[in-house]
PDB file of N, CA and C in Angstrom:
ATOM      1  N   MET A   1    -152.180-120.275  56.297  1.00  0.00           N
ATOM      2  CA  MET A   1    -151.190-119.770  57.056  1.00  0.00           C
ATOM      3  C   MET A   1    -149.758-119.595  56.979  1.00  0.00           C
ATOM      4  N   THR A   2    -149.851-121.247  57.772  1.00  0.00           N
ATOM      5  CA  THR A   2    -148.577-122.340  58.067  1.00  0.00           C
ATOM      6  C   THR A   2    -148.116-122.322  56.490  1.00  0.00           C
ATOM      7  N   GLN A   3    -149.100-122.788  55.426  1.00  0.00           N
ATOM      8  CA  GLN A   3    -148.791-123.460  54.387  1.00  0.00           C
ATOM      9  C   GLN A   3    -147.869-121.984  53.761  1.00  0.00           C
ATOM     10  N   PHE A   4    -148.607-120.344  53.486  1.00  0.00           N
ATOM     11  CA  PHE A   4    -147.905-119.644  52.823  1.00  0.00           C
ATOM     12  C   PHE A   4    -146.096-119.299  53.478  1.00  0.00           C
ATOM     13  N   VAL A   5    -146.156-119.483  54.424  1.00  0.00           N
ATOM     14  CA  VAL A   5    -144.936-118.883  55.428  1.00  0.00           C
ATOM     15  C   VAL A   5    -143.622-119.911  54.987  1.00  0.00           C
ATOM     16  N   LEU A   6    -144.449-121.388  55.023  1.00  0.00           N
ATOM     17  CA  LEU A   6    -143.545-122.645  54.344  1.00  0.00           C
ATOM     18  C   LEU A   6    -142.774-122.324  52.715  1.00  0.00           C
ATOM     19  N   ALA A   7    -144.074-122.038  51.895  1.00  0.00           N
ATOM     20  CA  ALA A   7    -144.013-121.622  50.268  1.00  0.00           C
ATOM     21  C   ALA A   7    -143.112-120.308  50.346  1.00  0.00           C
ATOM     22  N   GLY A   8    -142.952-119.406  51.043  1.00  0.00           N
ATOM     23  CA  GLY A   8    -142.054-118.102  51.096  1.00  0.00           C
ATOM     24  C   GLY A   8    -140.479-118.319  51.108  1.00  0.00           C
ATOM     25  N   VAL A   9    -140.535-119.613  52.366  1.00  0.00           N
ATOM     26  CA  VAL A   9    -139.304-120.122  52.796  1.00  0.00           C
ATOM     27  C   VAL A   9    -138.725-120.929  51.833  1.00  0.00           C
ATOM     28  N   LEU A  10    -138.954-121.754  51.596  1.00  0.00           N
ATOM     29  CA  LEU A  10    -139.252-122.673  50.481  1.00  0.00           C
ATOM     30  C   LEU A  10    -137.998-122.008  48.805  1.00  0.00           C
ATOM     31  N   GLY A  11    -139.159-121.205  48.590  1.00  0.00           N
ATOM     32  CA  GLY A  11    -138.957-120.552  47.402  1.00  0.00           C
ATOM     33  C   GLY A  11    -137.417-119.770  47.763  1.00  0.00           C
ATOM     34  N   LEU A  12    -137.264-119.073  48.560  1.00  0.00           N
ATOM     35  CA  LEU A  12    -135.955-118.471  49.215  1.00  0.00           C
ATOM     36  C   LEU A  12    -134.791-119.260  49.418  1.00  0.00           C
ATOM     37  N   LEU A  13    -135.378-120.293  49.874  1.00  0.00           N
ATOM     38  CA  LEU A  13    -134.093-121.385  49.876  1.00  0.00           C
ATOM     39  C   LEU A  13    -133.853-121.162  48.442  1.00  0.00           C
ATOM     40  N   PHE A  14    -134.764-121.967  48.013  1.00  0.00           N
ATOM     41  CA  PHE A  14    -134.568-122.389  45.999  1.00  0.00           C
ATOM     42  C   PHE A  14    -133.827-121.264  45.582  1.00  0.00           C
ATOM     43  N   ALA A  15    -133.909-120.144  45.704  1.00  0.00           N
ATOM     44  CA  ALA A  15    -133.271-119.176  45.144  1.00  0.00           C
ATOM     45  C   ALA A  15    -131.879-118.773  45.847  1.00  0.00           C
ATOM     46  N   PHE A  16    -131.455-119.134  46.847  1.00  0.00           N
ATOM     47  CA  PHE A  16    -130.572-119.132  47.432  1.00  0.00           C
ATOM     48  C   PHE A  16    -129.440-119.845  46.899  1.00  0.00           C
ATOM     49  N   GLY A  17    -130.191-120.883  47.259  1.00  0.00           N
ATOM     50  CA  GLY A  17    -129.518-122.649  46.461  1.00  0.00           C
ATOM     51  C   GLY A  17    -128.743-121.936  45.008  1.00  0.00           C
ATOM     52  N   ALA A  18    -130.083-121.632  43.717  1.00  0.00           N
ATOM     53  CA  ALA A  18    -129.670-121.551  42.507  1.00  0.00           C
ATOM     54  C   ALA A  18    -128.890-120.493  42.593  1.00  0.00           C
ATOM     55  N   PHE A  19    -128.645-118.976  43.940  1.00  0.00           N
ATOM     56  CA  PHE A  19    -127.597-117.712  43.565  1.00  0.00           C
ATOM     57  C   PHE A  19    -125.895-118.056  43.965  1.00  0.00           C
ATOM     58  N   LEU A  20    -126.055-119.760  44.609  1.00  0.00           N
ATOM     59  CA  LEU A  20    -125.067-120.020  44.885  1.00  0.00           C
ATOM     60  C   LEU A  20    -124.907-120.990  44.132  1.00  0.00           C
ATOM     61  N   VAL A  21    -124.873-121.922  43.097  1.00  0.00           N
ATOM     62  CA  VAL A  21    -124.692-122.919  42.178  1.00  0.00           C
ATOM     63  C   VAL A  21    -124.359-121.532  41.125  1.00  0.00           C
ATOM     64  N   LEU A  22    -124.861-119.910  40.857  1.00  0.00           N
ATOM     65  CA  LEU A  22    -123.871-119.689  39.549  1.00  0.00           C
ATOM     66  C   LEU A  22    -122.815-118.807  40.259  1.00  0.00           C
ATOM     67  N   ARG A  23    -122.552-119.057  41.041  1.00  0.00           N
ATOM     68  CA  ARG A  23    -120.828-118.084  41.784  1.00  0.00           C
ATOM     69  C   ARG A  23    -119.930-119.301  41.187  1.00  0.00           C
ATOM     70  N   ARG A  24    -118.422-118.610  40.938  1.00  0.00           N
ATOM     71  CA  ARG A  24    -117.344-119.045  40.798  1.00  0.00           C
ATOM     72  C   ARG A  24    -116.545-119.730  41.384  1.00  0.00           C
ATOM     73  N   ASP A  25    -117.183-119.463  42.653  1.00  0.00           N
ATOM     74  CA  ASP A  25    -116.320-120.797  43.611  1.00  0.00           C
ATOM     75  C   ASP A  25    -116.886-121.813  43.635  1.00  0.00           C
ATOM     76  N   ILE A  26    -116.092-122.955  43.481  1.00  0.00           N
ATOM     77  CA  ILE A  26    -116.518-124.770  44.091  1.00  0.00           C
ATOM     78  C   ILE A  26    -117.221-124.607  45.472  1.00  0.00           C
ATOM     79  N   VAL A  27    -116.118-124.430  45.787  1.00  0.00           N
ATOM     80  CA  VAL A  27    -117.408-124.445  47.715  1.00  0.00           C
ATOM     81  C   VAL A  27    -118.659-124.201  47.567  1.00  0.00           C
ATOM     82  N   ARG A  28    -118.814-122.993  47.157  1.00  0.00           N
ATOM     83  CA  ARG A  28    -120.244-121.895  46.407  1.00  0.00           C
ATOM     84  C   ARG A  28    -121.161-122.908  45.745  1.00  0.00           C
ATOM     85  N   VAL A  29    -120.341-123.309  44.720  1.00  0.00           N
ATOM     86  CA  VAL A  29    -121.454-124.382  43.527  1.00  0.00           C
ATOM     87  C   VAL A  29    -121.860-125.683  44.795  1.00  0.00           C
ATOM     88  N   VAL A  30    -121.265-125.499  46.040  1.00  0.00           N
ATOM     89  CA  VAL A  30    -121.061-127.115  46.367  1.00  0.00           C
ATOM     90  C   VAL A  30    -122.444-127.480  47.405  1.00  0.00           C
ATOM     91  N   TRP A  31    -122.640-125.893  48.284  1.00  0.00           N
ATOM     92  CA  TRP A  31    -123.274-125.422  49.309  1.00  0.00           C
ATOM     93  C   TRP A  31    -124.516-125.040  48.574  1.00  0.00           C
ATOM     94  N   GLY A  32    -124.615-124.082  47.325  1.00  0.00           N
ATOM     95  CA  GLY A  32    -125.743-123.617  46.443  1.00  0.00           C
ATOM     96  C   GLY A  32    -126.611-125.667  46.161  1.00  0.00           C
ATOM     97  N   VAL A  33    -126.005-126.235  45.927  1.00  0.00           N
ATOM     98  CA  VAL A  33    -126.689-127.944  45.429  1.00  0.00           C
ATOM     99  C   VAL A  33    -126.923-128.742  46.723  1.00  0.00           C
ATOM    100  N   THR A  34    -126.386-128.464  47.470  1.00  0.00           N
ATOM    101  CA  THR A  34    -126.651-128.595  49.274  1.00  0.00           C
ATOM    102  C   THR A  34    -128.368-128.405  49.561  1.00  0.00           C
ATOM    103  N   ILE A  35    -128.175-126.898  49.914  1.00  0.00           N
ATOM    104  CA  ILE A  35    -129.146-126.012  50.012  1.00  0.00           C
ATOM    105  C   ILE A  35    -130.436-126.057  48.781  1.00  0.00           C
ATOM    106  N   ILE A  36    -130.299-126.036  47.765  1.00  0.00           N
ATOM    107  CA  ILE A  36    -131.552-126.986  46.961  1.00  0.00           C
ATOM    108  C   ILE A  36    -131.794-128.358  47.587  1.00  0.00           C
ATOM    109  N   SER A  37    -130.884-129.389  47.444  1.00  0.00           N
ATOM    110  CA  SER A  37    -131.287-130.331  47.954  1.00  0.00           C
ATOM    111  C   SER A  37    -132.016-130.310  49.364  1.00  0.00           C
ATOM    112  N   GLN A  38    -132.226-129.526  50.206  1.00  0.00           N
ATOM    113  CA  GLN A  38    -132.489-129.870  51.617  1.00  0.00           C
ATOM    114  C   GLN A  38    -133.582-128.989  50.968  1.00  0.00           C
ATOM    115  N   ALA A  39    -133.667-127.800  50.631  1.00  0.00           N
ATOM    116  CA  ALA A  39    -135.165-127.192  49.836  1.00  0.00           C
ATOM    117  C   ALA A  39    -136.001-128.382  49.332  1.00  0.00           C
ATOM    118  N   ALA A  40    -135.485-129.463  48.856  1.00  0.00           N
ATOM    119  CA  ALA A  40    -136.703-130.314  47.698  1.00  0.00           C
ATOM    120  C   ALA A  40    -137.180-131.406  49.018  1.00  0.00           C
ATOM    121  N   ASN A  41    -136.402-131.314  50.303  1.00  0.00           N
ATOM    122  CA  ASN A  41    -136.719-132.651  51.158  1.00  0.00           C
ATOM    123  C   ASN A  41    -137.572-131.649  51.615  1.00  0.00           C
ATOM    124  N   VAL A  42    -137.687-130.360  52.144  1.00  0.00           N
ATOM    125  CA  VAL A  42    -138.785-129.436  53.394  1.00  0.00           C
ATOM    126  C   VAL A  42    -139.725-129.546  52.175  1.00  0.00           C
ATOM    127  N   TYR A  43    -139.663-129.747  51.067  1.00  0.00           N
ATOM    128  CA  TYR A  43    -140.844-129.689  50.024  1.00  0.00           C
ATOM    129  C   TYR A  43    -141.900-130.627  50.306  1.00  0.00           C
ATOM    130  N   LEU A  44    -140.710-131.639  49.921  1.00  0.00           N
ATOM    131  CA  LEU A  44    -141.787-132.897  50.148  1.00  0.00           C
ATOM    132  C   LEU A  44    -142.584-133.104  51.448  1.00  0.00           C
ATOM    133  N   VAL A  45    -141.428-132.981  52.640  1.00  0.00           N
ATOM    134  CA  VAL A  45    -141.969-132.884  54.485  1.00  0.00           C
ATOM    135  C   VAL A  45    -143.427-132.130  54.125  1.00  0.00           C
ATOM    136  N   THR A  46    -143.182-131.237  53.738  1.00  0.00           N
ATOM    137  CA  THR A  46    -144.248-130.316  53.672  1.00  0.00           C
ATOM    138  C   THR A  46    -146.002-131.165  52.781  1.00  0.00           C
ATOM    139  N   MET A  47    -145.511-131.429  51.570  1.00  0.00           N
ATOM    140  CA  MET A  47    -146.308-131.961  50.665  1.00  0.00           C
ATOM    141  C   MET A  47    -146.996-133.252  51.563  1.00  0.00           C
ATOM    142  N   GLY A  48    -145.992-134.367  51.904  1.00  0.00           N
ATOM    143  CA  GLY A  48    -146.666-134.840  52.903  1.00  0.00           C
ATOM    144  C   GLY A  48    -147.639-134.657  54.287  1.00  0.00           C
ATOM    145  N   GLY A  49    -147.808-133.362  54.535  1.00  0.00           N
ATOM    146  CA  GLY A  49    -148.210-133.420  55.521  1.00  0.00           C
ATOM    147  C   GLY A  49    -148.244-132.938  57.124  1.00  0.00           C
ATOM    148  N   LEU A  50    -148.169-131.606  57.267  1.00  0.00           N
ATOM    149  CA  LEU A  50    -147.916-131.407  58.603  1.00  0.00           C
ATOM    150  C   LEU A  50    -148.954-131.525  59.510  1.00  0.00           C
ATOM    151  N   ALA A  51    -150.463-131.831  59.630  1.00  0.00           N
ATOM    152  CA  ALA A  51    -150.786-131.467  60.764  1.00  0.00           C
ATOM    153  C   ALA A  51    -151.482-133.517  60.525  1.00  0.00           C
ATOM    154  N   GLY A  52    -152.057-133.953  61.450  1.00  0.00           N
ATOM    155  CA  GLY A  52    -152.162-135.327  61.667  1.00  0.00           C
ATOM    156  C   GLY A  52    -151.270-135.721  63.351  1.00  0.00           C
ATOM    157  N   SER A  53    -151.695-137.231  63.225  1.00  0.00           N
ATOM    158  CA  SER A  53    -151.260-137.694  64.367  1.00  0.00           C
ATOM    159  C   SER A  53    -149.961-138.850  63.670  1.00  0.00           C
ATOM    160  N   VAL A  54    -149.590-139.163  65.388  1.00  0.00           N
ATOM    161  CA  VAL A  54    -148.022-139.930  65.035  1.00  0.00           C
ATOM    162  C   VAL A  54    -148.553-141.493  64.093  1.00  0.00           C
ATOM    163  N   PRO A  55    -147.815-142.235  63.238  1.00  0.00           N
ATOM    164  CA  PRO A  55    -148.424-143.517  62.735  1.00  0.00           C
ATOM    165  C   PRO A  55    -148.338-144.585  63.405  1.00  0.00           C
ATOM    166  N   ILE A  56    -147.539-144.385  65.008  1.00  0.00           N
ATOM    167  CA  ILE A  56    -148.200-145.155  66.183  1.00  0.00           C
ATOM    168  C   ILE A  56    -149.195-145.818  66.208  1.00  0.00           C
ATOM    169  N   LEU A  57    -149.605-146.809  66.393  1.00  0.00           N
ATOM    170  CA  LEU A  57    -150.110-147.095  66.792  1.00  0.00           C
ATOM    171  C   LEU A  57    -150.623-148.111  68.328  1.00  0.00           C
ATOM    172  N   GLY A  58    -150.470-147.647  69.186  1.00  0.00           N
ATOM    173  CA  GLY A  58    -150.039-148.001  70.345  1.00  0.00           C
ATOM    174  C   GLY A  58    -151.142-148.790  71.020  1.00  0.00           C
ATOM    175  N   HIS A  59    -151.474-148.129  71.146  1.00  0.00           N
ATOM    176  CA  HIS A  59    -153.358-148.308  72.420  1.00  0.00           C
ATOM    177  C   HIS A  59    -154.511-148.169  71.665  1.00  0.00           C
ATOM    178  N   GLY A  60    -154.885-149.140  70.603  1.00  0.00           N
ATOM    179  CA  GLY A  60    -155.725-149.205  69.426  1.00  0.00           C
ATOM    180  C   GLY A  60    -155.332-148.592  68.545  1.00  0.00           C
ATOM    181  N   PRO A  61    -156.872-148.896  67.378  1.00  0.00           N
ATOM    182  CA  PRO A  61    -156.943-147.766  66.173  1.00  0.00           C
ATOM    183  C   PRO A  61    -156.828-146.324  66.617  1.00  0.00           C
ATOM    184  N   PRO A  62    -157.327-145.328  65.854  1.00  0.00           N
ATOM    185  CA  PRO A  62    -157.218-144.048  65.714  1.00  0.00           C
ATOM    186  C   PRO A  62    -159.123-144.022  65.172  1.00  0.00           C
ATOM    187  N   ASP A  63    -159.461-142.479  66.379  1.00  0.00           N
ATOM    188  CA  ASP A  63    -160.830-142.174  65.330  1.00  0.00           C
ATOM    189  C   ASP A  63    -160.908-142.401  64.088  1.00  0.00           C
ATOM    190  N   ASP A  64    -159.938-141.846  63.905  1.00  0.00           N
ATOM    191  CA  ASP A  64    -160.332-141.029  61.873  1.00  0.00           C
ATOM    192  C   ASP A  64    -159.106-141.349  61.472  1.00  0.00           C
ATOM    193  N   PRO A  65    -158.550-142.671  60.929  1.00  0.00           N
ATOM    194  CA  PRO A  65    -157.423-143.338  60.078  1.00  0.00           C
ATOM    195  C   PRO A  65    -156.941-142.240  59.141  1.00  0.00           C
ATOM    196  N   ALA A  66    -158.332-141.318  58.714  1.00  0.00           N
ATOM    197  CA  ALA A  66    -157.431-140.370  57.415  1.00  0.00           C
ATOM    198  C   ALA A  66    -156.261-139.329  58.065  1.00  0.00           C
ATOM    199  N   THR A  67    -156.035-139.209  59.304  1.00  0.00           N
ATOM    200  CA  THR A  67    -155.568-138.011  60.741  1.00  0.00           C
ATOM    201  C   THR A  67    -154.398-138.509  60.773  1.00  0.00           C
ATOM    202  N   ILE A  68    -153.833-139.366  59.905  1.00  0.00           N
ATOM    203  CA  ILE A  68    -152.635-139.908  60.682  1.00  0.00           C
ATOM    204  C   ILE A  68    -151.862-139.670  59.191  1.00  0.00           C
ATOM    205  N   THR A  69    -149.992-139.198  59.766  1.00  0.00           N
ATOM    206  CA  THR A  69    -149.616-138.602  59.210  1.00  0.00           C
ATOM    207  C   THR A  69    -148.522-139.815  58.272  1.00  0.00           C
ATOM    208  N   ASP A  70    -148.566-139.934  57.065  1.00  0.00           N
ATOM    209  CA  ASP A  70    -147.859-140.885  55.706  1.00  0.00           C
ATOM    210  C   ASP A  70    -146.205-141.343  56.681  1.00  0.00           C
ATOM    211  N   PRO A  71    -146.257-142.296  57.353  1.00  0.00           N
ATOM    212  CA  PRO A  71    -144.480-142.234  57.731  1.00  0.00           C
ATOM    213  C   PRO A  71    -143.094-142.688  56.213  1.00  0.00           C
ATOM    214  N   LEU A  72    -144.263-142.994  55.160  1.00  0.00           N
ATOM    215  CA  LEU A  72    -143.263-142.980  53.999  1.00  0.00           C
ATOM    216  C   LEU A  72    -142.380-142.175  53.725  1.00  0.00           C
ATOM    217  N   VAL A  73    -143.023-140.644  53.400  1.00  0.00           N
ATOM    218  CA  VAL A  73    -142.279-139.303  53.112  1.00  0.00           C
ATOM    219  C   VAL A  73    -141.652-139.099  54.180  1.00  0.00           C
ATOM    220  N   GLN A  74    -141.634-138.812  55.029  1.00  0.00           N
ATOM    221  CA  GLN A  74    -140.768-139.118  56.340  1.00  0.00           C
ATOM    222  C   GLN A  74    -138.972-140.343  55.805  1.00  0.00           C
ATOM    223  N   ALA A  75    -139.500-141.303  55.520  1.00  0.00           N
ATOM    224  CA  ALA A  75    -138.929-142.241  55.914  1.00  0.00           C
ATOM    225  C   ALA A  75    -137.580-141.542  54.454  1.00  0.00           C
ATOM    226  N   LEU A  76    -138.434-141.429  53.296  1.00  0.00           N
ATOM    227  CA  LEU A  76    -137.504-141.661  52.166  1.00  0.00           C
ATOM    228  C   LEU A  76    -136.825-139.958  53.069  1.00  0.00           C
ATOM    229  N   VAL A  77    -137.233-138.984  53.250  1.00  0.00           N
ATOM    230  CA  VAL A  77    -136.438-137.478  53.367  1.00  0.00           C
ATOM    231  C   VAL A  77    -135.231-138.259  54.047  1.00  0.00           C
ATOM    232  N   LEU A  78    -135.982-138.736  54.864  1.00  0.00           N
ATOM    233  CA  LEU A  78    -134.221-139.264  55.987  1.00  0.00           C
ATOM    234  C   LEU A  78    -133.518-139.690  55.253  1.00  0.00           C
ATOM    235  N   THR A  79    -133.845-140.690  54.475  1.00  0.00           N
ATOM    236  CA  THR A  79    -132.766-141.290  53.360  1.00  0.00           C
ATOM    237  C   THR A  79    -132.365-140.412  52.378  1.00  0.00           C
ATOM    238  N   ALA A  80    -133.183-139.562  51.858  1.00  0.00           N
ATOM    239  CA  ALA A  80    -132.128-138.424  51.103  1.00  0.00           C
ATOM    240  C   ALA A  80    -131.656-137.746  51.316  1.00  0.00           C
ATOM    241  N   ILE A  81    -131.821-137.429  52.814  1.00  0.00           N
ATOM    242  CA  ILE A  81    -130.925-136.368  54.024  1.00  0.00           C
ATOM    243  C   ILE A  81    -129.287-136.752  54.018  1.00  0.00           C
ATOM    244  N   VAL A  82    -129.520-138.415  54.093  1.00  0.00           N
ATOM    245  CA  VAL A  82    -127.934-139.205  54.366  1.00  0.00           C
ATOM    246  C   VAL A  82    -127.378-139.104  53.467  1.00  0.00           C
ATOM    247  N   ILE A  83    -127.477-139.201  52.272  1.00  0.00           N
ATOM    248  CA  ILE A  83    -127.309-139.646  50.932  1.00  0.00           C
ATOM    249  C   ILE A  83    -126.447-138.038  50.851  1.00  0.00           C
ATOM    250  N   SER A  84    -127.321-137.395  50.717  1.00  0.00           N
ATOM    251  CA  SER A  84    -127.071-135.394  50.675  1.00  0.00           C
ATOM    252  C   SER A  84    -125.839-135.686  51.429  1.00  0.00           C
ATOM    253  N   PHE A  85    -125.822-135.924  52.693  1.00  0.00           N
ATOM    254  CA  PHE A  85    -124.572-135.886  53.777  1.00  0.00           C
ATOM    255  C   PHE A  85    -123.284-136.318  53.074  1.00  0.00           C
ATOM    256  N   GLY A  86    -123.508-137.480  52.324  1.00  0.00           N
ATOM    257  CA  GLY A  86    -122.449-138.411  52.297  1.00  0.00           C
ATOM    258  C   GLY A  86    -122.054-137.647  50.557  1.00  0.00           C
ATOM    259  N   THR A  87    -122.863-137.295  49.823  1.00  0.00           N
ATOM    260  CA  THR A  87    -122.763-136.428  48.268  1.00  0.00           C
ATOM    261  C   THR A  87    -122.019-135.117  48.651  1.00  0.00           C
ATOM    262  N   THR A  88    -122.313-134.183  49.665  1.00  0.00           N
ATOM    263  CA  THR A  88    -121.928-133.579  49.612  1.00  0.00           C
ATOM    264  C   THR A  88    -120.267-133.045  50.742  1.00  0.00           C
ATOM    265  N   ALA A  89    -119.999-134.266  51.634  1.00  0.00           N
ATOM    266  CA  ALA A  89    -119.010-134.808  51.978  1.00  0.00           C
ATOM    267  C   ALA A  89    -117.731-135.148  50.880  1.00  0.00           C
ATOM    268  N   PHE A  90    -118.266-135.828  50.225  1.00  0.00           N
ATOM    269  CA  PHE A  90    -117.476-136.118  48.594  1.00  0.00           C
ATOM    270  C   PHE A  90    -116.700-135.318  48.118  1.00  0.00           C
ATOM    271  N   ALA A  91    -118.262-134.235  47.653  1.00  0.00           N
ATOM    272  CA  ALA A  91    -118.175-132.864  46.688  1.00  0.00           C
ATOM    273  C   ALA A  91    -116.776-132.062  47.595  1.00  0.00           C
ATOM    274  N   LEU A  92    -116.857-131.757  48.958  1.00  0.00           N
ATOM    275  CA  LEU A  92    -115.893-131.623  50.001  1.00  0.00           C
ATOM    276  C   LEU A  92    -114.015-131.465  49.540  1.00  0.00           C
ATOM    277  N   VAL A  93    -114.242-132.791  49.540  1.00  0.00           N
ATOM    278  CA  VAL A  93    -113.614-133.545  49.281  1.00  0.00           C
ATOM    279  C   VAL A  93    -112.425-133.531  48.007  1.00  0.00           C
ATOM    280  N   LEU A  94    -113.213-134.092  46.936  1.00  0.00           N
ATOM    281  CA  LEU A  94    -112.964-133.245  46.110  1.00  0.00           C
ATOM    282  C   LEU A  94    -112.300-131.809  45.760  1.00  0.00           C
ATOM    283  N   THR A  95    -113.084-131.351  45.735  1.00  0.00           N
ATOM    284  CA  THR A  95    -113.060-130.093  45.925  1.00  0.00           C
ATOM    285  C   THR A  95    -111.652-129.251  46.639  1.00  0.00           C
ATOM    286  N   TYR A  96    -111.209-129.644  47.793  1.00  0.00           N
ATOM    287  CA  TYR A  96    -110.283-130.203  48.644  1.00  0.00           C
ATOM    288  C   TYR A  96    -108.735-130.432  47.583  1.00  0.00           C
ATOM    289  N   ARG A  97    -108.848-131.563  46.789  1.00  0.00           N
ATOM    290  CA  ARG A  97    -108.244-132.014  46.038  1.00  0.00           C
ATOM    291  C   ARG A  97    -107.693-131.153  44.503  1.00  0.00           C
ATOM    292  N   ILE A  98    -109.209-131.083  44.305  1.00  0.00           N
ATOM    293  CA  ILE A  98    -108.955-130.080  43.346  1.00  0.00           C
ATOM    294  C   ILE A  98    -107.840-128.669  43.253  1.00  0.00           C
ATOM    295  N   HIS A  99    -108.163-127.601  44.343  1.00  0.00           N
ATOM    296  CA  HIS A  99    -107.037-126.742  45.347  1.00  0.00           C
ATOM    297  C   HIS A  99    -105.958-127.672  45.406  1.00  0.00           C
ATOM    298  N   GLU A 100    -105.598-128.553  45.730  1.00  0.00           N
ATOM    299  CA  GLU A 100    -104.273-129.212  45.951  1.00  0.00           C
ATOM    300  C   GLU A 100    -103.346-129.374  44.766  1.00  0.00           C
ATOM    301  N   GLU A 101    -104.138-129.772  43.932  1.00  0.00           N
ATOM    302  CA  GLU A 101    -103.294-129.709  42.047  1.00  0.00           C
ATOM    303  C   GLU A 101    -103.257-129.103  41.450  1.00  0.00           C
ATOM    304  N   HIS A 102    -104.481-127.706  41.602  1.00  0.00           N
ATOM    305  CA  HIS A 102    -104.582-126.359  40.352  1.00  0.00           C
ATOM    306  C   HIS A 102    -104.438-125.087  41.256  1.00  0.00           C
ATOM    307  N   GLY A 103    -104.250-125.287  42.824  1.00  0.00           N
ATOM    308  CA  GLY A 103    -103.930-124.281  43.311  1.00  0.00           C
ATOM    309  C   GLY A 103    -104.785-123.163  43.117  1.00  0.00           C
ATOM    310  N   THR A 104    -106.236-123.416  43.312  1.00  0.00           N
ATOM    311  CA  THR A 104    -107.353-122.405  42.985  1.00  0.00           C
ATOM    312  C   THR A 104    -109.252-123.093  42.712  1.00  0.00           C
ATOM    313  N   ILE A 105    -109.617-122.609  43.189  1.00  0.00           N
ATOM    314  CA  ILE A 105    -111.410-123.159  43.280  1.00  0.00           C
ATOM    315  C   ILE A 105    -112.246-122.717  42.436  1.00  0.00           C
ATOM    316  N   ASP A 106    -110.647-121.552  41.429  1.00  0.00           N
ATOM    317  CA  ASP A 106    -112.096-120.764  41.125  1.00  0.00           C
ATOM    318  C   ASP A 106    -112.712-121.663  39.611  1.00  0.00           C
ATOM    319  N   LEU A 107    -113.632-121.588  39.107  1.00  0.00           N
ATOM    320  CA  LEU A 107    -114.167-122.276  38.499  1.00  0.00           C
ATOM    321  C   LEU A 107    -113.495-121.611  36.750  1.00  0.00           C
ATOM    322  N   ARG A 108    -113.673-119.872  36.144  1.00  0.00           N
ATOM    323  CA  ARG A 108    -112.749-120.168  35.320  1.00  0.00           C
ATOM    324  C   ARG A 108    -111.514-119.591  35.287  1.00  0.00           C
ATOM    325  N   GLU A 109    -110.840-120.279  36.273  1.00  0.00           N
ATOM    326  CA  GLU A 109    -109.493-120.565  36.333  1.00  0.00           C
ATOM    327  C   GLU A 109    -109.149-121.637  36.392  1.00  0.00           C
ATOM    328  N   LEU A 110    -110.011-122.607  36.615  1.00  0.00           N
ATOM    329  CA  LEU A 110    -109.494-123.807  36.167  1.00  0.00           C
ATOM    330  C   LEU A 110    -109.858-124.374  35.124  1.00  0.00           C
ATOM    331  N   GLY A 111    -111.178-123.409  33.900  1.00  0.00           N
ATOM    332  CA  GLY A 111    -111.716-123.436  32.953  1.00  0.00           C
ATOM    333  C   GLY A 111    -110.391-123.576  31.927  1.00  0.00           C
ATOM    334  N   GLU A 112    -109.227-122.339  32.509  1.00  0.00           N
ATOM    335  CA  GLU A 112    -108.400-121.892  31.021  1.00  0.00           C
ATOM    336  C   GLU A 112    -107.204-122.853  31.458  1.00  0.00           C
ATOM    337  N   THR A 113    -107.329-124.183  32.247  1.00  0.00           N
ATOM    338  CA  THR A 113    -106.021-124.451  32.285  1.00  0.00           C
ATOM    339  C   THR A 113    -105.954-125.633  31.176  1.00  0.00           C
ATOM    340  N   GLY A 114    -107.108-125.569  31.629  1.00  0.00           N
ATOM    341  CA  GLY A 114    -107.983-126.791  30.115  1.00  0.00           C
ATOM    342  C   GLY A 114    -107.475-128.073  30.786  1.00  0.00           C
ATOM    343  N   GLY A 115    -106.966-129.019  31.939  1.00  0.00           N
ATOM    344  CA  GLY A 115    -106.868-129.986  32.316  1.00  0.00           C
ATOM    345  C   GLY A 115    -105.189-130.051  32.633  1.00  0.00           C
ATOM    346  N   GLU A 116    -104.555-128.776  32.194  1.00  0.00           N
ATOM    347  CA  GLU A 116    -102.676-129.294  32.718  1.00  0.00           C
ATOM    348  C   GLU A 116    -102.625-128.929  34.205  1.00  0.00           C
ATOM    349  N   SER A 117    -102.008-130.310  34.672  1.00  0.00           N
ATOM    350  CA  SER A 117    -101.114-129.522  35.995  1.00  0.00           C
ATOM    351  C   SER A 117    -100.328-128.950  36.002  1.00  0.00           C
TER     352      SER A 117
END
C-alpha cells in the first residue's frame, strides 16, 4: 500500500514540476526544476528501501544482515539536496539580475528583446 501511495505522490510531483517548467515566468521555471529534482530524490530514497534497520551496528551484528537499509542511497540523496539548494539559490539570484536588467521575468518578453539592454 505504501508503495502505491508514494508512486502516486511522485507522479504528482513530477507532473506539477513539469507544469511549472512550461510556464512563462522564470521563477516558476526555477521552482519547477527544483520540484522535479526533489521528486527524483524521493524516488531514489524509495527505491533504496524504506523498511529495514539502521545501518549502525552498535550492539553486535544483526540477526539478518539483509534487513539493514543501504546508507549509500541516503548519503547520495543528502548530497543531491545540498547541491540542489545551491543551484536553486544561484538560479534565483540570476533571475533577480535579469529582472534588474530587463525589467521583466517573462520568457516571451525576454525573447523578443533578443539580448538588447
